[in-house]
């Protein structure tokens, strides 16, 4: 029973990684579109969004998709997008 539960937990974890992998580029595109459209952010907020965007891309390229989604989500929160 424990082996079955462990197998199911592992399978569930492995299935979420590809979902995050596809979410990262979509989130980066949303951020890029919002920046290109123009924002009412302060210079400090704009710098923070750009830093988070770059950090999210680095995490994505390194295969750390969960962290990438988290960081990109922070950037989208500052921008007021979802």
PDB file of N, CA and C in Angstrom:
ATOM      1  N   UNK A   1       0.820  -1.187   0.000  1.00  0.00           N
ATOM      2  CA  UNK A   1       0.000   0.000   0.000  1.00  0.00           C
ATOM      3  C   UNK A   1       0.867   1.255   0.000  1.00  0.00           C
ATOM      4  N   UNK A   2       1.919   1.250   0.843  1.00  0.00           N
ATOM      5  CA  UNK A   2       2.814   2.403   0.890  1.00  0.00           C
ATOM      6  C   UNK A   2       3.518   2.590  -0.445  1.00  0.00           C
ATOM      7  N   UNK A   3       3.900   1.481  -1.068  1.00  0.00           N
ATOM      8  CA  UNK A   3       4.572   1.568  -2.364  1.00  0.00           C
ATOM      9  C   UNK A   3       3.640   2.156  -3.420  1.00  0.00           C
ATOM     10  N   UNK A   4       2.384   1.774  -3.368  1.00  0.00           N
ATOM     11  CA  UNK A   4       1.406   2.308  -4.318  1.00  0.00           C
ATOM     12  C   UNK A   4       1.228   3.807  -4.119  1.00  0.00           C
ATOM     13  N   UNK A   5       1.102   4.236  -2.877  1.00  0.00           N
ATOM     14  CA  UNK A   5       0.946   5.662  -2.587  1.00  0.00           C
ATOM     15  C   UNK A   5       2.182   6.446  -3.014  1.00  0.00           C
ATOM     16  N   UNK A   6       3.352   5.892  -2.763  1.00  0.00           N
ATOM     17  CA  UNK A   6       4.588   6.555  -3.167  1.00  0.00           C
ATOM     18  C   UNK A   6       4.667   6.669  -4.683  1.00  0.00           C
ATOM     19  N   UNK A   7       4.267   5.622  -5.376  1.00  0.00           N
ATOM     20  CA  UNK A   7       4.271   5.636  -6.839  1.00  0.00           C
ATOM     21  C   UNK A   7       3.298   6.674  -7.374  1.00  0.00           C
ATOM     22  N   UNK A   8       2.114   6.737  -6.791  1.00  0.00           N
ATOM     23  CA  UNK A   8       1.121   7.723  -7.222  1.00  0.00           C
ATOM     24  C   UNK A   8       1.595   9.150  -6.951  1.00  0.00           C
ATOM     25  N   UNK A   9       2.231   9.360  -5.816  1.00  0.00           N
ATOM     26  CA  UNK A   9       2.752  10.687  -5.491  1.00  0.00           C
ATOM     27  C   UNK A   9       3.841  11.092  -6.474  1.00  0.00           C
ATOM     28  N   UNK A  10       4.721  10.172  -6.797  1.00  0.00           N
ATOM     29  CA  UNK A  10       5.788  10.449  -7.754  1.00  0.00           C
ATOM     30  C   UNK A  10       5.218  10.739  -9.134  1.00  0.00           C
ATOM     31  N   UNK A  11       4.254   9.956  -9.549  1.00  0.00           N
ATOM     32  CA  UNK A  11       3.627  10.170 -10.860  1.00  0.00           C
ATOM     33  C   UNK A  11       2.953  11.536 -10.912  1.00  0.00           C
ATOM     34  N   UNK A  12       2.283  11.909  -9.849  1.00  0.00           N
ATOM     35  CA  UNK A  12       1.641  13.223  -9.795  1.00  0.00           C
ATOM     36  C   UNK A  12       2.650  14.347  -9.875  1.00  0.00           C
ATOM     37  N   UNK A  13       3.759  14.186  -9.180  1.00  0.00           N
ATOM     38  CA  UNK A  13       4.805  15.206  -9.220  1.00  0.00           C
ATOM     39  C   UNK A  13       5.406  15.319 -10.609  1.00  0.00           C
ATOM     40  N   UNK A  14       5.627  14.200 -11.249  1.00  0.00           N
ATOM     41  CA  UNK A  14       6.219  14.220 -12.588  1.00  0.00           C
ATOM     42  C   UNK A  14       5.276  14.823 -13.621  1.00  0.00           C
ATOM     43  N   UNK A  15       3.998  14.673 -13.417  1.00  0.00           N
ATOM     44  CA  UNK A  15       3.034  15.236 -14.364  1.00  0.00           C
ATOM     45  C   UNK A  15       2.898  16.745 -14.225  1.00  0.00           C
ATOM     46  N   UNK A  16       3.197  17.296 -13.052  1.00  0.00           N
ATOM     47  CA  UNK A  16       3.077  18.743 -12.875  1.00  0.00           C
ATOM     48  C   UNK A  16       4.258  19.489 -13.466  1.00  0.00           C
ATOM     49  N   UNK A  17       5.412  18.866 -13.569  1.00  0.00           N
ATOM     50  CA  UNK A  17       6.591  19.536 -14.121  1.00  0.00           C
ATOM     51  C   UNK A  17       6.351  19.987 -15.555  1.00  0.00           C
ATOM     52  N   UNK A  18       5.841  19.145 -16.451  1.00  0.00           N
ATOM     53  CA  UNK A  18       5.587  19.630 -17.810  1.00  0.00           C
ATOM     54  C   UNK A  18       4.575  20.769 -17.851  1.00  0.00           C
ATOM     55  N   UNK A  19       3.599  20.746 -16.978  1.00  0.00           N
ATOM     56  CA  UNK A  19       2.615  21.833 -16.954  1.00  0.00           C
ATOM     57  C   UNK A  19       3.294  23.145 -16.607  1.00  0.00           C
ATOM     58  N   UNK A  20       4.162  23.136 -15.613  1.00  0.00           N
ATOM     59  CA  UNK A  20       4.918  24.335 -15.264  1.00  0.00           C
ATOM     60  C   UNK A  20       5.828  24.748 -16.407  1.00  0.00           C
ATOM     61  N   UNK A  21       6.428  23.789 -17.087  1.00  0.00           N
ATOM     62  CA  UNK A  21       7.343  24.095 -18.184  1.00  0.00           C
ATOM     63  C   UNK A  21       6.643  24.888 -19.272  1.00  0.00           C
ATOM     64  N   UNK A  22       5.371  24.577 -19.526  1.00  0.00           N
ATOM     65  CA  UNK A  22       4.627  25.305 -20.550  1.00  0.00           C
ATOM     66  C   UNK A  22       4.085  26.627 -20.023  1.00  0.00           C
ATOM     67  N   UNK A  23       3.888  26.736 -18.721  1.00  0.00           N
ATOM     68  CA  UNK A  23       3.341  27.961 -18.151  1.00  0.00           C
ATOM     69  C   UNK A  23       4.369  29.088 -18.154  1.00  0.00           C
ATOM     70  N   UNK A  24       5.637  28.769 -17.967  1.00  0.00           N
ATOM     71  CA  UNK A  24       6.676  29.796 -17.882  1.00  0.00           C
ATOM     72  C   UNK A  24       6.705  30.693 -19.122  1.00  0.00           C
ATOM     73  N   UNK A  25       6.811  30.133 -20.336  1.00  0.00           N
ATOM     74  CA  UNK A  25       6.843  30.998 -21.517  1.00  0.00           C
ATOM     75  C   UNK A  25       5.573  31.837 -21.673  1.00  0.00           C
ATOM     76  N   UNK A  26       4.436  31.284 -21.305  1.00  0.00           N
ATOM     77  CA  UNK A  26       3.186  32.045 -21.393  1.00  0.00           C
ATOM     78  C   UNK A  26       3.210  33.225 -20.423  1.00  0.00           C
ATOM     79  N   UNK A  27       3.703  32.995 -19.218  1.00  0.00           N
ATOM     80  CA  UNK A  27       3.797  34.077 -18.238  1.00  0.00           C
ATOM     81  C   UNK A  27       4.795  35.136 -18.697  1.00  0.00           C
ATOM     82  N   UNK A  28       5.925  34.707 -19.251  1.00  0.00           N
ATOM     83  CA  UNK A  28       6.910  35.670 -19.751  1.00  0.00           C
ATOM     84  C   UNK A  28       6.316  36.509 -20.876  1.00  0.00           C
ATOM     85  N   UNK A  29       5.539  35.887 -21.739  1.00  0.00           N
ATOM     86  CA  UNK A  29       4.904  36.613 -22.843  1.00  0.00           C
ATOM     87  C   UNK A  29       3.903  37.640 -22.315  1.00  0.00           C
ATOM     88  N   UNK A  30       3.145  37.290 -21.277  1.00  0.00           N
ATOM     89  CA  UNK A  30       2.201  38.237 -20.676  1.00  0.00           C
ATOM     90  C   UNK A  30       2.939  39.446 -20.104  1.00  0.00           C
ATOM     91  N   UNK A  31       4.046  39.177 -19.425  1.00  0.00           N
ATOM     92  CA  UNK A  31       4.839  40.261 -18.835  1.00  0.00           C
ATOM     93  C   UNK A  31       5.399  41.147 -19.939  1.00  0.00           C
ATOM     94  N   UNK A  32       5.968  40.531 -20.966  1.00  0.00           N
ATOM     95  CA  UNK A  32       6.539  41.297 -22.078  1.00  0.00           C
ATOM     96  C   UNK A  32       5.481  42.161 -22.757  1.00  0.00           C
ATOM     97  N   UNK A  33       4.294  41.607 -22.963  1.00  0.00           N
ATOM     98  CA  UNK A  33       3.211  42.356 -23.613  1.00  0.00           C
ATOM     99  C   UNK A  33       2.792  43.547 -22.752  1.00  0.00           C
ATOM    100  N   UNK A  34       2.697  43.338 -21.450  1.00  0.00           N
ATOM    101  CA  UNK A  34       2.314  44.429 -20.550  1.00  0.00           C
ATOM    102  C   UNK A  34       3.372  45.524 -20.542  1.00  0.00           C
ATOM    103  N   UNK A  35       4.638  45.132 -20.546  1.00  0.00           N
ATOM    104  CA  UNK A  35       5.712  46.123 -20.568  1.00  0.00           C
ATOM    105  C   UNK A  35       5.717  46.891 -21.883  1.00  0.00           C
ATOM    106  N   UNK A  36       5.490  46.196 -22.972  1.00  0.00           N
ATOM    107  CA  UNK A  36       5.485  46.833 -24.282  1.00  0.00           C
ATOM    108  C   UNK A  36       4.299  47.790 -24.425  1.00  0.00           C
ATOM    109  N   UNK A  37       3.172  47.447 -23.824  1.00  0.00           N
ATOM    110  CA  UNK A  37       1.979  48.291 -23.903  1.00  0.00           C
ATOM    111  C   UNK A  37       2.133  49.566 -23.076  1.00  0.00           C
ATOM    112  N   UNK A  38       3.057  49.551 -22.135  1.00  0.00           N
ATOM    113  CA  UNK A  38       3.266  50.702 -21.266  1.00  0.00           C
ATOM    114  C   UNK A  38       2.552  50.510 -19.942  1.00  0.00           C
ATOM    115  N   UNK A  39       3.155  51.026 -18.906  1.00  0.00           N
ATOM    116  CA  UNK A  39       2.598  50.869 -17.565  1.00  0.00           C
ATOM    117  C   UNK A  39       2.657  52.198 -16.825  1.00  0.00           C
ATOM    118  N   UNK A  40       1.972  52.255 -15.714  1.00  0.00           N
ATOM    119  CA  UNK A  40       2.019  53.418 -14.828  1.00  0.00           C
ATOM    120  C   UNK A  40       2.887  53.126 -13.608  1.00  0.00           C
ATOM    121  N   UNK A  41       3.818  52.210 -13.752  1.00  0.00           N
ATOM    122  CA  UNK A  41       4.667  51.831 -12.630  1.00  0.00           C
ATOM    123  C   UNK A  41       5.731  52.885 -12.377  1.00  0.00           C
ATOM    124  N   UNK A  42       6.154  52.964 -11.131  1.00  0.00           N
ATOM    125  CA  UNK A  42       7.288  53.827 -10.807  1.00  0.00           C
ATOM    126  C   UNK A  42       8.554  53.194 -11.379  1.00  0.00           C
ATOM    127  N   UNK A  43       9.618  53.960 -11.406  1.00  0.00           N
ATOM    128  CA  UNK A  43      10.892  53.441 -11.913  1.00  0.00           C
ATOM    129  C   UNK A  43      11.360  52.251 -11.080  1.00  0.00           C
ATOM    130  N   UNK A  44      11.126  52.311  -9.783  1.00  0.00           N
ATOM    131  CA  UNK A  44      11.529  51.222  -8.886  1.00  0.00           C
ATOM    132  C   UNK A  44      10.716  49.965  -9.186  1.00  0.00           C
ATOM    133  N   UNK A  45       9.403  50.123  -9.353  1.00  0.00           N
ATOM    134  CA  UNK A  45       8.544  48.978  -9.666  1.00  0.00           C
ATOM    135  C   UNK A  45       8.901  48.382 -11.026  1.00  0.00           C
ATOM    136  N   UNK A  46       9.158  49.234 -11.998  1.00  0.00           N
ATOM    137  CA  UNK A  46       9.516  48.762 -13.334  1.00  0.00           C
ATOM    138  C   UNK A  46      10.815  47.964 -13.293  1.00  0.00           C
ATOM    139  N   UNK A  47      11.793  48.460 -12.550  1.00  0.00           N
ATOM    140  CA  UNK A  47      13.063  47.743 -12.413  1.00  0.00           C
ATOM    141  C   UNK A  47      12.844  46.392 -11.738  1.00  0.00           C
ATOM    142  N   UNK A  48      11.965  46.351 -10.744  1.00  0.00           N
ATOM    143  CA  UNK A  48      11.672  45.094 -10.040  1.00  0.00           C
ATOM    144  C   UNK A  48      11.006  44.091 -10.975  1.00  0.00           C
ATOM    145  N   UNK A  49      10.058  44.551 -11.782  1.00  0.00           N
ATOM    146  CA  UNK A  49       9.386  43.662 -12.734  1.00  0.00           C
ATOM    147  C   UNK A  49      10.399  43.096 -13.723  1.00  0.00           C
ATOM    148  N   UNK A  50      11.270  43.936 -14.234  1.00  0.00           N
ATOM    149  CA  UNK A  50      12.273  43.472 -15.204  1.00  0.00           C
ATOM    150  C   UNK A  50      13.229  42.474 -14.563  1.00  0.00           C
ATOM    151  N   UNK A  51      13.608  42.734 -13.306  1.00  0.00           N
ATOM    152  CA  UNK A  51      14.502  41.813 -12.599  1.00  0.00           C
ATOM    153  C   UNK A  51      13.820  40.467 -12.388  1.00  0.00           C
ATOM    154  N   UNK A  52      12.568  40.499 -11.946  1.00  0.00           N
ATOM    155  CA  UNK A  52      11.825  39.258 -11.725  1.00  0.00           C
ATOM    156  C   UNK A  52      11.626  38.499 -13.030  1.00  0.00           C
ATOM    157  N   UNK A  53      11.368  39.217 -14.108  1.00  0.00           N
ATOM    158  CA  UNK A  53      11.184  38.592 -15.433  1.00  0.00           C
ATOM    159  C   UNK A  53      12.457  37.852 -15.842  1.00  0.00           C
ATOM    160  N   UNK A  54      13.602  38.512 -15.681  1.00  0.00           N
ATOM    161  CA  UNK A  54      14.877  37.881 -16.036  1.00  0.00           C
ATOM    162  C   UNK A  54      15.173  36.686 -15.141  1.00  0.00           C
ATOM    163  N   UNK A  55      14.894  36.839 -13.855  1.00  0.00           N
ATOM    164  CA  UNK A  55      15.124  35.738 -12.913  1.00  0.00           C
ATOM    165  C   UNK A  55      14.226  34.549 -13.251  1.00  0.00           C
ATOM    166  N   UNK A  56      12.986  34.824 -13.598  1.00  0.00           N
ATOM    167  CA  UNK A  56      12.062  33.759 -13.987  1.00  0.00           C
ATOM    168  C   UNK A  56      12.541  33.012 -15.216  1.00  0.00           C
ATOM    169  N   UNK A  57      13.078  33.746 -16.179  1.00  0.00           N
ATOM    170  CA  UNK A  57      13.594  33.092 -17.387  1.00  0.00           C
ATOM    171  C   UNK A  57      14.811  32.228 -17.065  1.00  0.00           C
ATOM    172  N   UNK A  58      15.677  32.722 -16.179  1.00  0.00           N
ATOM    173  CA  UNK A  58      16.849  31.922 -15.772  1.00  0.00           C
ATOM    174  C   UNK A  58      16.408  30.618 -15.106  1.00  0.00           C
ATOM    175  N   UNK A  59      15.429  30.710 -14.198  1.00  0.00           N
ATOM    176  CA  UNK A  59      14.918  29.502 -13.548  1.00  0.00           C
ATOM    177  C   UNK A  59      14.331  28.546 -14.583  1.00  0.00           C
ATOM    178  N   UNK A  60      13.573  29.075 -15.534  1.00  0.00           N
ATOM    179  CA  UNK A  60      12.959  28.243 -16.579  1.00  0.00           C
ATOM    180  C   UNK A  60      14.029  27.505 -17.372  1.00  0.00           C
ATOM    181  N   UNK A  61      15.041  28.223 -17.807  1.00  0.00           N
ATOM    182  CA  UNK A  61      16.104  27.613 -18.614  1.00  0.00           C
ATOM    183  C   UNK A  61      16.892  26.572 -17.824  1.00  0.00           C
ATOM    184  N   UNK A  62      16.955  26.763 -16.498  1.00  0.00           N
ATOM    185  CA  UNK A  62      17.662  25.810 -15.641  1.00  0.00           C
ATOM    186  C   UNK A  62      16.791  24.600 -15.295  1.00  0.00           C
ATOM    187  N   UNK A  63      15.526  24.618 -15.729  1.00  0.00           N
ATOM    188  CA  UNK A  63      14.637  23.497 -15.453  1.00  0.00           C
ATOM    189  C   UNK A  63      13.911  23.592 -14.125  1.00  0.00           C
ATOM    190  N   UNK A  64      14.061  24.717 -13.437  1.00  0.00           N
ATOM    191  CA  UNK A  64      13.403  24.913 -12.143  1.00  0.00           C
ATOM    192  C   UNK A  64      12.082  25.651 -12.383  1.00  0.00           C
ATOM    193  N   UNK A  65      11.122  24.945 -12.963  1.00  0.00           N
ATOM    194  CA  UNK A  65       9.893  25.575 -13.430  1.00  0.00           C
ATOM    195  C   UNK A  65       8.990  26.047 -12.297  1.00  0.00           C
ATOM    196  N   UNK A  66       8.971  25.339 -11.205  1.00  0.00           N
ATOM    197  CA  UNK A  66       8.158  25.775 -10.072  1.00  0.00           C
ATOM    198  C   UNK A  66       8.601  27.134  -9.557  1.00  0.00           C
ATOM    199  N   UNK A  67       9.902  27.310  -9.422  1.00  0.00           N
ATOM    200  CA  UNK A  67      10.435  28.594  -8.957  1.00  0.00           C
ATOM    201  C   UNK A  67      10.219  29.678 -10.009  1.00  0.00           C
ATOM    202  N   UNK A  68      10.340  29.299 -11.274  1.00  0.00           N
ATOM    203  CA  UNK A  68      10.100  30.248 -12.361  1.00  0.00           C
ATOM    204  C   UNK A  68       8.671  30.771 -12.317  1.00  0.00           C
ATOM    205  N   UNK A  69       7.709  29.885 -12.177  1.00  0.00           N
ATOM    206  CA  UNK A  69       6.298  30.280 -12.123  1.00  0.00           C
ATOM    207  C   UNK A  69       6.058  31.205 -10.930  1.00  0.00           C
ATOM    208  N   UNK A  70       6.681  30.896  -9.805  1.00  0.00           N
ATOM    209  CA  UNK A  70       6.524  31.715  -8.603  1.00  0.00           C
ATOM    210  C   UNK A  70       7.048  33.132  -8.838  1.00  0.00           C
ATOM    211  N   UNK A  71       8.253  33.239  -9.360  1.00  0.00           N
ATOM    212  CA  UNK A  71       8.887  34.543  -9.569  1.00  0.00           C
ATOM    213  C   UNK A  71       8.146  35.341 -10.645  1.00  0.00           C
ATOM    214  N   UNK A  72       7.765  34.675 -11.724  1.00  0.00           N
ATOM    215  CA  UNK A  72       7.020  35.364 -12.779  1.00  0.00           C
ATOM    216  C   UNK A  72       5.661  35.823 -12.257  1.00  0.00           C
ATOM    217  N   UNK A  73       5.066  35.050 -11.368  1.00  0.00           N
ATOM    218  CA  UNK A  73       3.805  35.453 -10.742  1.00  0.00           C
ATOM    219  C   UNK A  73       3.962  36.724  -9.920  1.00  0.00           C
ATOM    220  N   UNK A  74       5.097  36.854  -9.247  1.00  0.00           N
ATOM    221  CA  UNK A  74       5.374  38.075  -8.483  1.00  0.00           C
ATOM    222  C   UNK A  74       5.450  39.275  -9.422  1.00  0.00           C
ATOM    223  N   UNK A  75       6.104  39.096 -10.565  1.00  0.00           N
ATOM    224  CA  UNK A  75       6.200  40.183 -11.547  1.00  0.00           C
ATOM    225  C   UNK A  75       4.817  40.558 -12.063  1.00  0.00           C
ATOM    226  N   UNK A  76       3.992  39.557 -12.330  1.00  0.00           N
ATOM    227  CA  UNK A  76       2.641  39.832 -12.828  1.00  0.00           C
ATOM    228  C   UNK A  76       1.789  40.518 -11.760  1.00  0.00           C
ATOM    229  N   UNK A  77       2.006  40.188 -10.495  1.00  0.00           N
ATOM    230  CA  UNK A  77       1.284  40.863  -9.413  1.00  0.00           C
ATOM    231  C   UNK A  77       1.621  42.353  -9.388  1.00  0.00           C
ATOM    232  N   UNK A  78       2.893  42.676  -9.541  1.00  0.00           N
ATOM    233  CA  UNK A  78       3.308  44.083  -9.560  1.00  0.00           C
ATOM    234  C   UNK A  78       2.663  44.801 -10.745  1.00  0.00           C
ATOM    235  N   UNK A  79       2.594  44.102 -11.878  1.00  0.00           N
ATOM    236  CA  UNK A  79       1.983  44.686 -13.074  1.00  0.00           C
ATOM    237  C   UNK A  79       0.457  44.742 -12.989  1.00  0.00           C
ATOM    238  N   UNK A  80      -0.120  43.979 -12.083  1.00  0.00           N
ATOM    239  CA  UNK A  80      -1.571  43.932 -11.952  1.00  0.00           C
ATOM    240  C   UNK A  80      -2.238  43.078 -13.010  1.00  0.00           C
ATOM    241  N   UNK A  81      -1.508  42.062 -13.500  1.00  0.00           N
ATOM    242  CA  UNK A  81      -2.070  41.135 -14.485  1.00  0.00           C
ATOM    243  C   UNK A  81      -2.099  39.741 -13.880  1.00  0.00           C
ATOM    244  N   UNK A  82      -2.865  38.846 -14.514  1.00  0.00           N
ATOM    245  CA  UNK A  82      -2.933  37.471 -13.989  1.00  0.00           C
ATOM    246  C   UNK A  82      -2.468  36.477 -14.991  1.00  0.00           C
TER     247      UNK A  82
END
